[in-house]
Amino acid sequence: MTLAPDAVAHPTQPRLTIPELIDEATVEAIAGEAWIALVGEDEVLVPLPADLPAETLSAWVDVVGPWTGSVVLTTGRQTAADLTRALLAESAPELLDHEDVADAFGEIANVVGGNVKAALPGPSTLGLPQVGEAPAVRNPEDVCRLEVVWRGQPLVVSVQGALPALPAPNPPHQNGASL
């Protein structure tokens, strides 16, 4: 079956943005509950704005369904390492490697993302956790951003839409012709 071009370009229902579906208080509750469950009962997130350090690390999961986007956790690299030690507790190795931090930070993003997905309407799927540089914000109106502090260090939880797609880079030119 082939859809008419108008059917693809103009969906029948407008796509909802995340602020229409979930509020900051819900994201805060989800993140706080996940934090206590994974990191410990005495480990709380305090809703305070604070500037992230220059060197950050992000962990995120993608949600695909009636709303499509990413649930992203971003913090300083040292804070991500401290978080890994807190999560692993006594089983944390003396020297953490990148894989240890990626696994632990990714697991927290996975749990927060899964709970955000559960709070959204309709059936959705959750992607695998990814760790690295945060995905770009595509639509500033399709973002719910929560700034918190954990052990005095800043952390941002962002639920951000994946649409519209980022513009494609211009194709390279050689001798005035497109390749």
Protein backbone atom coordinates (compact mmCIF):
# COMPACT_ATOMS: atom_id res chain seq x y z
CA MET A 1 0.00 0.00 0.00
CA THR A 2 1.31 3.44 -0.93
CA LEU A 3 0.18 6.54 0.90
CA ALA A 4 -0.67 9.64 -1.06
CA PRO A 5 1.99 12.34 -0.57
CA ASP A 6 -0.53 14.54 1.26
CA ALA A 7 -1.21 11.75 3.77
CA VAL A 8 2.48 11.55 4.63
CA ALA A 9 3.12 15.29 4.70
CA HIS A 10 -0.03 16.16 6.66
CA PRO A 11 -0.96 13.68 9.41
CA THR A 12 -4.63 13.65 10.36
CA GLN A 13 -3.93 14.61 14.00
CA PRO A 14 -1.43 17.18 15.22
CA ARG A 15 1.46 15.64 17.12
CA LEU A 16 1.34 16.42 20.84
CA THR A 17 4.39 17.94 22.52
CA ILE A 18 5.74 16.62 25.80
CA PRO A 19 4.52 19.62 27.89
CA GLU A 20 0.98 18.67 26.80
CA LEU A 21 1.54 15.10 28.01
CA ILE A 22 3.69 15.28 31.14
CA ASP A 23 4.70 18.04 33.53
CA GLU A 24 7.90 18.85 35.38
CA ALA A 25 6.47 17.61 38.70
CA THR A 26 5.80 14.18 37.18
CA VAL A 27 9.32 13.98 35.73
CA GLU A 28 10.71 15.03 39.11
CA ALA A 29 8.70 12.32 40.92
CA ILE A 30 9.77 9.66 38.40
CA ALA A 31 13.45 10.62 38.61
CA GLY A 32 13.35 10.86 42.41
CA GLU A 33 11.74 7.44 42.82
CA ALA A 34 14.19 5.83 40.39
CA TRP A 35 17.10 7.47 42.19
CA ILE A 36 16.04 6.17 45.59
CA ALA A 37 15.36 2.68 44.20
CA LEU A 38 18.69 2.41 42.36
CA VAL A 39 21.13 4.60 44.26
CA GLY A 40 19.79 4.38 47.82
CA GLU A 41 17.19 5.64 50.25
CA ASP A 42 19.46 8.42 51.48
CA GLU A 43 20.26 9.60 47.95
CA VAL A 44 17.88 12.35 46.93
CA LEU A 45 17.62 14.71 44.01
CA VAL A 46 17.06 18.31 45.06
CA PRO A 47 15.26 20.49 42.51
CA LEU A 48 17.71 23.38 42.20
CA PRO A 49 19.06 25.03 39.08
CA ALA A 50 22.84 24.80 38.75
CA ASP A 51 25.26 25.15 35.88
CA LEU A 52 26.62 21.95 34.38
CA PRO A 53 30.42 21.71 34.18
CA ALA A 54 32.24 22.05 30.86
CA GLU A 55 32.82 18.29 30.59
CA THR A 56 29.50 16.47 30.67
CA LEU A 57 28.25 13.01 29.95
CA SER A 58 24.71 12.08 28.95
CA ALA A 59 22.77 8.82 29.08
CA TRP A 60 19.45 8.45 27.30
CA VAL A 61 16.81 6.11 25.98
CA ASP A 62 14.50 6.73 23.05
CA VAL A 63 10.74 6.37 23.35
CA VAL A 64 8.79 5.58 20.17
CA GLY A 65 5.00 5.73 20.11
CA PRO A 66 2.27 8.37 19.95
CA TRP A 67 4.96 10.73 21.30
CA THR A 68 8.49 10.06 20.07
CA GLY A 69 11.60 11.42 21.71
CA SER A 70 14.34 10.80 24.25
CA VAL A 71 14.68 10.81 28.02
CA VAL A 72 18.13 12.25 28.68
CA LEU A 73 20.18 12.51 31.88
CA THR A 74 23.18 14.87 31.70
CA THR A 75 25.78 15.58 34.39
CA GLY A 76 29.48 16.15 34.82
CA ARG A 77 31.78 13.26 34.02
CA GLN A 78 33.02 13.08 37.62
CA THR A 79 29.45 13.08 38.90
CA ALA A 80 28.65 10.19 36.52
CA ALA A 81 31.62 8.30 38.02
CA ASP A 82 30.45 9.10 41.57
CA LEU A 83 26.98 7.92 40.62
CA THR A 84 28.47 4.66 39.28
CA ARG A 85 30.25 4.07 42.59
CA ALA A 86 27.02 4.76 44.51
CA LEU A 87 25.04 2.41 42.26
CA LEU A 88 27.61 -0.40 42.42
CA ALA A 89 28.26 0.15 46.15
CA GLU A 90 30.63 -2.49 47.55
CA SER A 91 31.03 -4.19 44.18
CA ALA A 92 32.48 -1.04 42.55
CA PRO A 93 36.02 -1.66 41.25
CA GLU A 94 38.80 0.50 42.64
CA LEU A 95 39.36 2.01 39.21
CA LEU A 96 36.27 2.61 37.09
CA ASP A 97 36.54 2.30 33.35
CA HIS A 98 34.32 3.95 30.74
CA GLU A 99 32.24 0.75 30.37
CA ASP A 100 31.43 0.71 34.11
CA VAL A 101 30.21 4.31 33.97
CA ALA A 102 28.31 3.78 30.70
CA ASP A 103 26.55 0.69 32.10
CA ALA A 104 25.56 2.30 35.40
CA PHE A 105 24.56 5.69 34.00
CA GLY A 106 22.74 3.99 31.12
CA GLU A 107 20.81 1.80 33.57
CA ILE A 108 19.58 4.84 35.47
CA ALA A 109 18.49 6.47 32.18
CA ASN A 110 16.75 3.21 31.25
CA VAL A 111 14.74 3.11 34.49
CA VAL A 112 13.81 6.80 34.37
CA GLY A 113 12.95 6.49 30.65
CA GLY A 114 10.85 3.39 31.22
CA ASN A 115 8.83 5.14 33.90
CA VAL A 116 8.37 8.23 31.71
CA LYS A 117 7.19 5.93 28.90
CA ALA A 118 4.66 4.36 31.26
CA ALA A 119 3.27 7.82 32.09
CA LEU A 120 2.70 8.65 28.39
CA PRO A 121 -0.43 7.72 26.43
CA GLY A 122 -0.66 4.75 24.10
CA PRO A 123 1.62 1.83 23.46
CA SER A 124 5.28 2.82 23.10
CA THR A 125 8.61 1.05 22.85
CA LEU A 126 11.78 1.90 24.71
CA GLY A 127 15.17 1.81 22.99
CA LEU A 128 18.41 0.59 24.52
CA PRO A 129 20.34 3.01 26.72
CA GLN A 130 23.00 5.09 25.00
CA VAL A 131 25.79 7.10 26.60
CA GLY A 132 27.76 9.97 25.10
CA GLU A 133 26.97 13.48 23.92
CA ALA A 134 23.28 14.30 24.44
CA PRO A 135 21.01 14.18 21.41
CA ALA A 136 20.26 17.62 19.98
CA VAL A 137 17.04 19.37 20.97
CA ARG A 138 14.98 19.44 17.79
CA ASN A 139 12.00 21.47 18.95
CA PRO A 140 12.41 23.73 22.02
CA GLU A 141 8.62 23.62 22.51
CA ASP A 142 8.74 19.79 22.83
CA VAL A 143 10.96 19.63 25.92
CA CYS A 144 10.37 19.16 29.63
CA ARG A 145 13.63 19.99 31.44
CA LEU A 146 14.28 19.36 35.12
CA GLU A 147 17.39 20.72 36.82
CA VAL A 148 18.38 18.98 40.05
CA VAL A 149 21.35 18.62 42.34
CA TRP A 150 22.68 15.29 43.65
CA ARG A 151 25.36 15.42 46.36
CA GLY A 152 25.83 19.09 45.50
CA GLN A 153 26.44 18.38 41.81
CA PRO A 154 24.13 19.44 38.95
CA LEU A 155 22.14 16.95 36.90
CA VAL A 156 19.60 17.65 34.16
CA VAL A 157 16.73 15.30 33.28
CA SER A 158 15.30 16.22 29.90
CA VAL A 159 12.35 14.67 28.08
CA GLN A 160 12.71 15.95 24.52
CA GLY A 161 10.85 15.30 21.31
CA ALA A 162 12.53 13.81 18.26
CA LEU A 163 10.54 15.83 15.72
CA PRO A 164 10.96 17.71 13.55
CA ALA A 165 14.03 16.01 12.17
CA LEU A 166 17.24 17.98 12.20
CA PRO A 167 18.10 19.54 8.84
CA ALA A 168 20.29 17.36 6.64
CA PRO A 169 23.74 18.77 5.91
CA ASN A 170 24.26 20.11 2.42
CA PRO A 171 25.83 17.54 0.10
CA PRO A 172 29.50 18.14 -0.66
CA HIS A 173 30.28 19.86 -3.96
CA GLN A 174 33.17 19.09 -6.23
CA ASN A 175 33.90 21.21 -9.32
CA GLY A 176 30.51 22.88 -8.93
CA ALA A 177 28.56 19.59 -9.18
CA SER A 178 26.84 17.62 -6.48
CA LEU A 179 28.29 14.21 -5.69
